């Protein structure tokens, strides 16, 4: 929204040079994408650790799988 307002009110003469705006928006998009990928990777790692722990717990105990 900030970039739309800057472009609409022609702050920093962005309407004559929109490439500056595209560069900033592109950098924000790439940073957001990297942040999203790393968070997804962390969540998957945590799920795999829980799954391994569960398999180890079930293999070591004599309990039924329902308990």
PDB file of N, CA and C in Angstrom:
ATOM      1  N   UNK A   1       0.825  -1.191   0.000  1.00  0.00           N
ATOM      2  CA  UNK A   1       0.000   0.000   0.000  1.00  0.00           C
ATOM      3  C   UNK A   1       0.874   1.263   0.000  1.00  0.00           C
ATOM      4  N   UNK A   2       1.991   1.175   0.693  1.00  0.00           N
ATOM      5  CA  UNK A   2       2.885   2.334   0.758  1.00  0.00           C
ATOM      6  C   UNK A   2       3.420   2.662  -0.628  1.00  0.00           C
ATOM      7  N   UNK A   3       3.798   1.635  -1.381  1.00  0.00           N
ATOM      8  CA  UNK A   3       4.347   1.881  -2.705  1.00  0.00           C
ATOM      9  C   UNK A   3       3.292   2.407  -3.667  1.00  0.00           C
ATOM     10  N   UNK A   4       2.072   1.961  -3.514  1.00  0.00           N
ATOM     11  CA  UNK A   4       0.979   2.486  -4.345  1.00  0.00           C
ATOM     12  C   UNK A   4       0.759   3.964  -4.039  1.00  0.00           C
ATOM     13  N   UNK A   5       0.793   4.304  -2.753  1.00  0.00           N
ATOM     14  CA  UNK A   5       0.629   5.710  -2.371  1.00  0.00           C
ATOM     15  C   UNK A   5       1.786   6.550  -2.883  1.00  0.00           C
ATOM     16  N   UNK A   6       3.000   6.038  -2.782  1.00  0.00           N
ATOM     17  CA  UNK A   6       4.158   6.790  -3.295  1.00  0.00           C
ATOM     18  C   UNK A   6       4.042   7.007  -4.801  1.00  0.00           C
ATOM     19  N   UNK A   7       3.584   5.990  -5.517  1.00  0.00           N
ATOM     20  CA  UNK A   7       3.435   6.127  -6.963  1.00  0.00           C
ATOM     21  C   UNK A   7       2.284   7.073  -7.311  1.00  0.00           C
ATOM     22  N   UNK A   8       1.171   6.951  -6.590  1.00  0.00           N
ATOM     23  CA  UNK A   8      -0.001   7.769  -6.895  1.00  0.00           C
ATOM     24  C   UNK A   8       0.269   9.249  -6.640  1.00  0.00           C
ATOM     25  N   UNK A   9       0.922   9.563  -5.535  1.00  0.00           N
ATOM     26  CA  UNK A   9       1.212  10.956  -5.208  1.00  0.00           C
ATOM     27  C   UNK A   9       2.512  11.442  -5.839  1.00  0.00           C
ATOM     28  N   UNK A  10       3.143  10.603  -6.660  1.00  0.00           N
ATOM     29  CA  UNK A  10       4.344  10.930  -7.419  1.00  0.00           C
ATOM     30  C   UNK A  10       5.483  11.384  -6.504  1.00  0.00           C
ATOM     31  N   UNK A  11       5.587  10.726  -5.373  1.00  0.00           N
ATOM     32  CA  UNK A  11       6.708  11.019  -4.480  1.00  0.00           C
ATOM     33  C   UNK A  11       7.994  10.506  -5.119  1.00  0.00           C
ATOM     34  N   UNK A  12       9.037  11.240  -4.991  1.00  0.00           N
ATOM     35  CA  UNK A  12      10.358  10.898  -5.539  1.00  0.00           C
ATOM     36  C   UNK A  12      10.320  10.737  -7.057  1.00  0.00           C
ATOM     37  N   UNK A  13       9.321  11.295  -7.730  1.00  0.00           N
ATOM     38  CA  UNK A  13       9.167  11.255  -9.194  1.00  0.00           C
ATOM     39  C   UNK A  13       9.199   9.813  -9.719  1.00  0.00           C
ATOM     40  N   UNK A  14       8.450   8.943  -9.066  1.00  0.00           N
ATOM     41  CA  UNK A  14       8.428   7.532  -9.437  1.00  0.00           C
ATOM     42  C   UNK A  14       7.653   7.277 -10.723  1.00  0.00           C
ATOM     43  N   UNK A  15       6.768   8.193 -11.110  1.00  0.00           N
ATOM     44  CA  UNK A  15       6.018   7.963 -12.348  1.00  0.00           C
ATOM     45  C   UNK A  15       6.915   8.122 -13.567  1.00  0.00           C
ATOM     46  N   UNK A  16       7.961   8.917 -13.446  1.00  0.00           N
ATOM     47  CA  UNK A  16       8.907   9.049 -14.558  1.00  0.00           C
ATOM     48  C   UNK A  16       9.901   7.900 -14.578  1.00  0.00           C
ATOM     49  N   UNK A  17      10.223   7.346 -13.394  1.00  0.00           N
ATOM     50  CA  UNK A  17      11.194   6.252 -13.284  1.00  0.00           C
ATOM     51  C   UNK A  17      10.574   5.096 -12.494  1.00  0.00           C
ATOM     52  N   UNK A  18       9.655   4.348 -13.078  1.00  0.00           N
ATOM     53  CA  UNK A  18       9.018   3.267 -12.312  1.00  0.00           C
ATOM     54  C   UNK A  18       9.949   2.081 -12.061  1.00  0.00           C
ATOM     55  N   UNK A  19      11.109   2.048 -12.720  1.00  0.00           N
ATOM     56  CA  UNK A  19      12.023   0.928 -12.514  1.00  0.00           C
ATOM     57  C   UNK A  19      12.528   0.868 -11.075  1.00  0.00           C
ATOM     58  N   UNK A  20      12.634   2.014 -10.405  1.00  0.00           N
ATOM     59  CA  UNK A  20      13.048   2.043  -9.007  1.00  0.00           C
ATOM     60  C   UNK A  20      11.993   1.340  -8.159  1.00  0.00           C
ATOM     61  N   UNK A  21      10.747   1.601  -8.447  1.00  0.00           N
ATOM     62  CA  UNK A  21       9.652   0.964  -7.719  1.00  0.00           C
ATOM     63  C   UNK A  21       9.630  -0.538  -7.979  1.00  0.00           C
ATOM     64  N   UNK A  22       9.843  -0.937  -9.235  1.00  0.00           N
ATOM     65  CA  UNK A  22       9.863  -2.355  -9.574  1.00  0.00           C
ATOM     66  C   UNK A  22      11.014  -3.068  -8.864  1.00  0.00           C
ATOM     67  N   UNK A  23      12.143  -2.420  -8.734  1.00  0.00           N
ATOM     68  CA  UNK A  23      13.283  -3.005  -8.050  1.00  0.00           C
ATOM     69  C   UNK A  23      12.964  -3.248  -6.578  1.00  0.00           C
ATOM     70  N   UNK A  24      12.377  -2.278  -5.925  1.00  0.00           N
ATOM     71  CA  UNK A  24      12.041  -2.405  -4.505  1.00  0.00           C
ATOM     72  C   UNK A  24      10.978  -3.473  -4.295  1.00  0.00           C
ATOM     73  N   UNK A  25       9.955  -3.477  -5.120  1.00  0.00           N
ATOM     74  CA  UNK A  25       8.895  -4.482  -5.006  1.00  0.00           C
ATOM     75  C   UNK A  25       9.448  -5.880  -5.285  1.00  0.00           C
ATOM     76  N   UNK A  26      10.332  -5.997  -6.261  1.00  0.00           N
ATOM     77  CA  UNK A  26      10.958  -7.282  -6.565  1.00  0.00           C
ATOM     78  C   UNK A  26      11.790  -7.796  -5.402  1.00  0.00           C
ATOM     79  N   UNK A  27      12.541  -6.916  -4.766  1.00  0.00           N
ATOM     80  CA  UNK A  27      13.342  -7.319  -3.605  1.00  0.00           C
ATOM     81  C   UNK A  27      12.450  -7.765  -2.455  1.00  0.00           C
ATOM     82  N   UNK A  28      11.334  -7.069  -2.254  1.00  0.00           N
ATOM     83  CA  UNK A  28      10.402  -7.467  -1.193  1.00  0.00           C
ATOM     84  C   UNK A  28       9.786  -8.832  -1.501  1.00  0.00           C
ATOM     85  N   UNK A  29       9.461  -9.081  -2.756  1.00  0.00           N
ATOM     86  CA  UNK A  29       8.885 -10.362  -3.149  1.00  0.00           C
ATOM     87  C   UNK A  29       9.869 -11.502  -2.923  1.00  0.00           C
ATOM     88  N   UNK A  30      11.127 -11.301  -3.313  1.00  0.00           N
ATOM     89  CA  UNK A  30      12.146 -12.334  -3.133  1.00  0.00           C
ATOM     90  C   UNK A  30      12.373 -12.605  -1.651  1.00  0.00           C
ATOM     91  N   UNK A  31      12.434 -11.556  -0.829  1.00  0.00           N
ATOM     92  CA  UNK A  31      12.611 -11.743   0.611  1.00  0.00           C
ATOM     93  C   UNK A  31      11.423 -12.486   1.222  1.00  0.00           C
ATOM     94  N   UNK A  32      10.228 -12.163   0.801  1.00  0.00           N
ATOM     95  CA  UNK A  32       9.042 -12.872   1.284  1.00  0.00           C
ATOM     96  C   UNK A  32       9.048 -14.331   0.878  1.00  0.00           C
ATOM     97  N   UNK A  33       9.481 -14.598  -0.342  1.00  0.00           N
ATOM     98  CA  UNK A  33       9.558 -15.973  -0.825  1.00  0.00           C
ATOM     99  C   UNK A  33      10.586 -16.774  -0.031  1.00  0.00           C
ATOM    100  N   UNK A  34      11.738 -16.196   0.222  1.00  0.00           N
ATOM    101  CA  UNK A  34      12.768 -16.876   1.006  1.00  0.00           C
ATOM    102  C   UNK A  34      12.264 -17.139   2.419  1.00  0.00           C
ATOM    103  N   UNK A  35      11.613 -16.154   3.023  1.00  0.00           N
ATOM    104  CA  UNK A  35      11.071 -16.313   4.371  1.00  0.00           C
ATOM    105  C   UNK A  35      10.050 -17.443   4.401  1.00  0.00           C
ATOM    106  N   UNK A  36       9.184 -17.496   3.406  1.00  0.00           N
ATOM    107  CA  UNK A  36       8.153 -18.539   3.342  1.00  0.00           C
ATOM    108  C   UNK A  36       8.784 -19.920   3.191  1.00  0.00           C
ATOM    109  N   UNK A  37       9.790 -20.044   2.334  1.00  0.00           N
ATOM    110  CA  UNK A  37      10.446 -21.329   2.100  1.00  0.00           C
ATOM    111  C   UNK A  37      11.151 -21.807   3.367  1.00  0.00           C
ATOM    112  N   UNK A  38      11.838 -20.916   4.068  1.00  0.00           N
ATOM    113  CA  UNK A  38      12.556 -21.337   5.276  1.00  0.00           C
ATOM    114  C   UNK A  38      11.582 -21.739   6.382  1.00  0.00           C
ATOM    115  N   UNK A  39      10.462 -21.028   6.512  1.00  0.00           N
ATOM    116  CA  UNK A  39       9.472 -21.411   7.528  1.00  0.00           C
ATOM    117  C   UNK A  39       8.864 -22.765   7.206  1.00  0.00           C
ATOM    118  N   UNK A  40       8.578 -23.026   5.937  1.00  0.00           N
ATOM    119  CA  UNK A  40       8.030 -24.313   5.532  1.00  0.00           C
ATOM    120  C   UNK A  40       9.034 -25.422   5.811  1.00  0.00           C
ATOM    121  N   UNK A  41      10.305 -25.160   5.513  1.00  0.00           N
ATOM    122  CA  UNK A  41      11.344 -26.160   5.754  1.00  0.00           C
ATOM    123  C   UNK A  41      11.463 -26.473   7.242  1.00  0.00           C
ATOM    124  N   UNK A  42      11.386 -25.454   8.101  1.00  0.00           N
ATOM    125  CA  UNK A  42      11.456 -25.681   9.544  1.00  0.00           C
ATOM    126  C   UNK A  42      10.284 -26.510  10.038  1.00  0.00           C
ATOM    127  N   UNK A  43       9.104 -26.234   9.511  1.00  0.00           N
ATOM    128  CA  UNK A  43       7.920 -26.996   9.923  1.00  0.00           C
ATOM    129  C   UNK A  43       8.028 -28.452   9.487  1.00  0.00           C
ATOM    130  N   UNK A  44       8.523 -28.682   8.277  1.00  0.00           N
ATOM    131  CA  UNK A  44       8.684 -30.058   7.807  1.00  0.00           C
ATOM    132  C   UNK A  44       9.728 -30.797   8.638  1.00  0.00           C
ATOM    133  N   UNK A  45      10.816 -30.129   8.991  1.00  0.00           N
ATOM    134  CA  UNK A  45      11.824 -30.757   9.848  1.00  0.00           C
ATOM    135  C   UNK A  45      11.238 -31.147  11.199  1.00  0.00           C
ATOM    136  N   UNK A  46      10.431 -30.277  11.776  1.00  0.00           N
ATOM    137  CA  UNK A  46       9.806 -30.577  13.068  1.00  0.00           C
ATOM    138  C   UNK A  46       8.849 -31.763  12.943  1.00  0.00           C
ATOM    139  N   UNK A  47       8.088 -31.829  11.862  1.00  0.00           N
ATOM    140  CA  UNK A  47       7.173 -32.957  11.665  1.00  0.00           C
ATOM    141  C   UNK A  47       7.919 -34.268  11.483  1.00  0.00           C
ATOM    142  N   UNK A  48       9.043 -34.235  10.770  1.00  0.00           N
ATOM    143  CA  UNK A  48       9.842 -35.449  10.582  1.00  0.00           C
ATOM    144  C   UNK A  48      10.427 -35.899  11.911  1.00  0.00           C
ATOM    145  N   UNK A  49      10.889 -34.967  12.734  1.00  0.00           N
ATOM    146  CA  UNK A  49      11.413 -35.332  14.059  1.00  0.00           C
ATOM    147  C   UNK A  49      10.323 -35.964  14.921  1.00  0.00           C
ATOM    148  N   UNK A  50       9.118 -35.401  14.898  1.00  0.00           N
ATOM    149  CA  UNK A  50       8.022 -35.984  15.656  1.00  0.00           C
ATOM    150  C   UNK A  50       7.670 -37.374  15.150  1.00  0.00           C
ATOM    151  N   UNK A  51       7.691 -37.560  13.856  1.00  0.00           N
ATOM    152  CA  UNK A  51       7.391 -38.868  13.278  1.00  0.00           C
ATOM    153  C   UNK A  51       8.447 -39.890  13.685  1.00  0.00           C
ATOM    154  N   UNK A  52       9.719 -39.507  13.628  1.00  0.00           N
ATOM    155  CA  UNK A  52      10.792 -40.408  14.057  1.00  0.00           C
ATOM    156  C   UNK A  52      10.658 -40.754  15.534  1.00  0.00           C
ATOM    157  N   UNK A  53      10.344 -39.765  16.357  1.00  0.00           N
ATOM    158  CA  UNK A  53      10.165 -39.996  17.789  1.00  0.00           C
ATOM    159  C   UNK A  53       9.004 -40.949  18.036  1.00  0.00           C
ATOM    160  N   UNK A  54       7.929 -40.775  17.290  1.00  0.00           N
ATOM    161  CA  UNK A  54       6.758 -41.637  17.449  1.00  0.00           C
ATOM    162  C   UNK A  54       7.084 -43.081  17.061  1.00  0.00           C
ATOM    163  N   UNK A  55       7.796 -43.248  15.942  1.00  0.00           N
ATOM    164  CA  UNK A  55       8.171 -44.605  15.519  1.00  0.00           C
ATOM    165  C   UNK A  55       9.098 -45.248  16.540  1.00  0.00           C
ATOM    166  N   UNK A  56      10.030 -44.497  17.087  1.00  0.00           N
ATOM    167  CA  UNK A  56      10.947 -45.026  18.089  1.00  0.00           C
ATOM    168  C   UNK A  56      10.191 -45.408  19.361  1.00  0.00           C
ATOM    169  N   UNK A  57       9.243 -44.560  19.774  1.00  0.00           N
ATOM    170  CA  UNK A  57       8.444 -44.829  20.968  1.00  0.00           C
ATOM    171  C   UNK A  57       7.593 -46.077  20.794  1.00  0.00           C
ATOM    172  N   UNK A  58       6.991 -46.255  19.635  1.00  0.00           N
ATOM    173  CA  UNK A  58       6.149 -47.429  19.396  1.00  0.00           C
ATOM    174  C   UNK A  58       6.975 -48.696  19.306  1.00  0.00           C
ATOM    175  N   UNK A  59       8.192 -48.603  18.789  1.00  0.00           N
ATOM    176  CA  UNK A  59       9.038 -49.779  18.661  1.00  0.00           C
ATOM    177  C   UNK A  59       9.591 -50.230  19.996  1.00  0.00           C
ATOM    178  N   UNK A  60       9.829 -49.317  20.919  1.00  0.00           N
ATOM    179  CA  UNK A  60      10.419 -49.643  22.210  1.00  0.00           C
ATOM    180  C   UNK A  60       9.400 -50.152  23.229  1.00  0.00           C
ATOM    181  N   UNK A  61       8.158 -49.794  23.078  1.00  0.00           N
ATOM    182  CA  UNK A  61       7.164 -50.165  24.102  1.00  0.00           C
ATOM    183  C   UNK A  61       6.390 -51.399  23.684  1.00  0.00           C
ATOM    184  N   UNK A  62       5.789 -52.027  24.686  1.00  0.00           N
ATOM    185  CA  UNK A  62       4.947 -53.203  24.428  1.00  0.00           C
ATOM    186  C   UNK A  62       3.477 -52.806  24.354  1.00  0.00           C
ATOM    187  N   UNK A  63       3.191 -51.525  24.361  1.00  0.00           N
ATOM    188  CA  UNK A  63       1.811 -51.046  24.316  1.00  0.00           C
ATOM    189  C   UNK A  63       1.231 -51.265  22.923  1.00  0.00           C
ATOM    190  N   UNK A  64      -0.073 -51.300  22.882  1.00  0.00           N
ATOM    191  CA  UNK A  64      -0.725 -51.393  21.581  1.00  0.00           C
ATOM    192  C   UNK A  64      -0.642 -50.036  20.896  1.00  0.00           C
ATOM    193  N   UNK A  65      -0.852 -50.046  19.628  1.00  0.00           N
ATOM    194  CA  UNK A  65      -0.745 -48.793  18.865  1.00  0.00           C
ATOM    195  C   UNK A  65      -1.877 -47.832  19.161  1.00  0.00           C
ATOM    196  N   UNK A  66      -2.952 -48.320  19.753  1.00  0.00           N
ATOM    197  CA  UNK A  66      -4.094 -47.465  20.076  1.00  0.00           C
ATOM    198  C   UNK A  66      -3.856 -46.685  21.358  1.00  0.00           C
ATOM    199  N   UNK A  67      -2.991 -47.156  22.212  1.00  0.00           N
ATOM    200  CA  UNK A  67      -2.781 -46.517  23.519  1.00  0.00           C
ATOM    201  C   UNK A  67      -1.847 -45.342  23.435  1.00  0.00           C
TER     202      UNK A  67
END
